[in-house]
C-alpha atoms as a PDB file:
ATOM      1  CA  MET A   1     -22.831 -55.675 -15.527  1.00  0.00           C
ATOM      2  CA  THR A   2     -19.349 -54.400 -14.430  1.00  0.00           C
ATOM      3  CA  LYS A   3     -16.918 -53.715 -16.698  1.00  0.00           C
ATOM      4  CA  THR A   4     -13.601 -54.450 -15.632  1.00  0.00           C
ATOM      5  CA  SER A   5      -9.777 -54.259 -17.588  1.00  0.00           C
ATOM      6  CA  PRO A   6      -6.844 -55.579 -16.496  1.00  0.00           C
ATOM      7  CA  TYR A   7      -4.764 -54.253 -14.020  1.00  0.00           C
ATOM      8  CA  ASN A   8      -1.734 -52.388 -14.173  1.00  0.00           C
ATOM      9  CA  PRO A   9       0.025 -51.319 -11.368  1.00  0.00           C
ATOM     10  CA  PHE A  10       2.233 -48.822 -13.691  1.00  0.00           C
ATOM     11  CA  ASP A  11      -0.867 -46.919 -14.035  1.00  0.00           C
ATOM     12  CA  TYR A  12      -0.579 -45.406 -10.819  1.00  0.00           C
ATOM     13  CA  LEU A  13       3.440 -44.829 -11.411  1.00  0.00           C
ATOM     14  CA  VAL A  14       4.018 -41.147 -12.478  1.00  0.00           C
ATOM     15  CA  THR A  15       7.317 -40.286 -12.112  1.00  0.00           C
ATOM     16  CA  LYS A  16      10.439 -42.372 -13.220  1.00  0.00           C
ATOM     17  CA  GLU A  17      12.007 -42.439  -9.244  1.00  0.00           C
ATOM     18  CA  GLU A  18       8.313 -44.506  -8.984  1.00  0.00           C
ATOM     19  CA  LYS A  19       8.804 -47.059 -11.581  1.00  0.00           C
ATOM     20  CA  ASN A  20      12.157 -47.817 -10.510  1.00  0.00           C
ATOM     21  CA  GLN A  21      12.096 -47.660  -6.756  1.00  0.00           C
ATOM     22  CA  TYR A  22       8.755 -50.548  -7.872  1.00  0.00           C
ATOM     23  CA  LEU A  23      10.956 -52.218  -9.898  1.00  0.00           C
ATOM     24  CA  ASN A  24      13.680 -52.818  -7.697  1.00  0.00           C
ATOM     25  CA  GLU A  25      10.879 -53.467  -4.639  1.00  0.00           C
ATOM     26  CA  ALA A  26      10.605 -56.611  -7.819  1.00  0.00           C
ATOM     27  CA  TYR A  27      13.604 -57.601  -8.159  1.00  0.00           C
ATOM     28  CA  MET A  28      14.063 -58.085  -4.462  1.00  0.00           C
ATOM     29  CA  ASP A  29      11.484 -60.075  -4.614  1.00  0.00           C
ATOM     30  CA  ASP A  30      12.550 -63.954  -3.443  1.00  0.00           C
ATOM     31  CA  ASP A  31       9.959 -65.180  -6.775  1.00  0.00           C
ATOM     32  CA  PRO A  32      12.145 -63.742  -9.935  1.00  0.00           C
ATOM     33  CA  ARG A  33       8.630 -64.326 -11.799  1.00  0.00           C
ATOM     34  CA  VAL A  34       7.844 -60.897  -9.862  1.00  0.00           C
ATOM     35  CA  PHE A  35      10.887 -58.713 -11.715  1.00  0.00           C
ATOM     36  CA  VAL A  36       9.593 -60.639 -15.324  1.00  0.00           C
ATOM     37  CA  VAL A  37       6.242 -59.811 -14.575  1.00  0.00           C
ATOM     38  CA  ALA A  38       6.650 -56.390 -13.663  1.00  0.00           C
ATOM     39  CA  LEU A  39       9.185 -55.651 -16.539  1.00  0.00           C
ATOM     40  CA  GLY A  40       6.140 -57.022 -18.233  1.00  0.00           C
ATOM     41  CA  HIS A  41       4.228 -54.515 -16.908  1.00  0.00           C
ATOM     42  CA  LEU A  42       6.209 -51.740 -17.460  1.00  0.00           C
ATOM     43  CA  ALA A  43       6.663 -52.776 -21.480  1.00  0.00           C
ATOM     44  CA  ARG A  44       2.651 -53.232 -21.698  1.00  0.00           C
ATOM     45  CA  LYS A  45       2.660 -49.361 -21.095  1.00  0.00           C
ATOM     46  CA  THR A  46       5.362 -48.027 -22.728  1.00  0.00           C
ATOM     47  CA  GLY A  47       3.615 -49.781 -25.851  1.00  0.00           C
ATOM     48  CA  MET A  48       5.005 -53.788 -26.673  1.00  0.00           C
ATOM     49  CA  GLY A  49       5.488 -52.500 -30.477  1.00  0.00           C
ATOM     50  CA  LYS A  50       7.994 -50.093 -29.246  1.00  0.00           C
ATOM     51  CA  VAL A  51      10.053 -51.544 -27.033  1.00  0.00           C
ATOM     52  CA  ALA A  52      11.097 -54.785 -29.644  1.00  0.00           C
ATOM     53  CA  LYS A  53      11.898 -51.671 -32.135  1.00  0.00           C
ATOM     54  CA  ARG A  54      13.855 -50.361 -29.458  1.00  0.00           C
ATOM     55  CA  THR A  55      15.462 -53.846 -29.097  1.00  0.00           C
ATOM     56  CA  GLY A  56      15.563 -56.172 -32.088  1.00  0.00           C
ATOM     57  CA  LEU A  57      13.778 -58.514 -30.303  1.00  0.00           C
ATOM     58  CA  ASN A  58       9.939 -59.951 -31.363  1.00  0.00           C
ATOM     59  CA  ARG A  59       7.306 -58.750 -30.003  1.00  0.00           C
ATOM     60  CA  GLU A  60       4.809 -62.427 -29.781  1.00  0.00           C
ATOM     61  CA  SER A  61       8.300 -63.060 -28.136  1.00  0.00           C
ATOM     62  CA  LEU A  62       8.844 -60.408 -25.809  1.00  0.00           C
ATOM     63  CA  TYR A  63       5.182 -60.856 -24.169  1.00  0.00           C
ATOM     64  CA  LYS A  64       6.132 -64.516 -23.318  1.00  0.00           C
ATOM     65  CA  SER A  65       9.037 -64.361 -22.381  1.00  0.00           C
ATOM     66  CA  LEU A  66       7.608 -61.055 -19.536  1.00  0.00           C
ATOM     67  CA  SER A  67       4.278 -62.841 -18.715  1.00  0.00           C
ATOM     68  CA  ALA A  68       4.456 -64.976 -15.309  1.00  0.00           C
ATOM     69  CA  ASP A  69       5.558 -68.053 -17.176  1.00  0.00           C
ATOM     70  CA  GLY A  70       7.592 -66.495 -19.384  1.00  0.00           C
ATOM     71  CA  ASN A  71      11.262 -67.291 -18.316  1.00  0.00           C
ATOM     72  CA  PRO A  72      13.227 -64.478 -20.378  1.00  0.00           C
ATOM     73  CA  HIS A  73      17.275 -64.859 -21.085  1.00  0.00           C
ATOM     74  CA  PHE A  74      19.546 -62.127 -19.092  1.00  0.00           C
ATOM     75  CA  THR A  75      19.664 -60.610 -22.432  1.00  0.00           C
ATOM     76  CA  THR A  76      15.857 -59.975 -22.856  1.00  0.00           C
ATOM     77  CA  ILE A  77      15.853 -58.301 -19.261  1.00  0.00           C
ATOM     78  CA  SER A  78      18.908 -56.282 -20.512  1.00  0.00           C
ATOM     79  CA  LYS A  79      17.908 -55.355 -23.560  1.00  0.00           C
ATOM     80  CA  VAL A  80      14.032 -54.493 -22.200  1.00  0.00           C
ATOM     81  CA  SER A  81      15.467 -52.476 -19.100  1.00  0.00           C
ATOM     82  CA  LYS A  82      18.001 -50.339 -21.190  1.00  0.00           C
ATOM     83  CA  ALA A  83      15.502 -50.032 -23.711  1.00  0.00           C
ATOM     84  CA  LEU A  84      12.813 -48.755 -21.196  1.00  0.00           C
ATOM     85  CA  GLY A  85      15.612 -46.404 -19.400  1.00  0.00           C
ATOM     86  CA  CYS A  86      14.798 -48.300 -15.950  1.00  0.00           C
ATOM     87  CA  LYS A  87      18.039 -48.144 -13.855  1.00  0.00           C
ATOM     88  CA  VAL A  88      18.134 -51.715 -11.913  1.00  0.00           C
ATOM     89  CA  SER A  89      19.851 -51.192  -7.885  1.00  0.00           C
ATOM     90  CA  ILE A  90      21.579 -54.432  -7.255  1.00  0.00           C
ATOM     91  CA  TYR A  91      22.069 -54.292  -3.449  1.00  0.00           C
END
């Protein structure tokens, strides 16, 4: 029997620049959920508990908001991005 684990692209991105580039490319996608899911991957990689503490937001709510079915407010996206040290460039 083969054992698998959930895929997290951030397991393969090492530098902060690589992570920021990934998020920027996700932001440019026509589907806004791509960016939300990418931000969720990074938050899980960092530790959702840490992100919740840094943002003052509920951990369970963050899991829901940053999922493919989530619909986070801009304030949530902004707080999470800042808590993770991300810089999103709009160009």
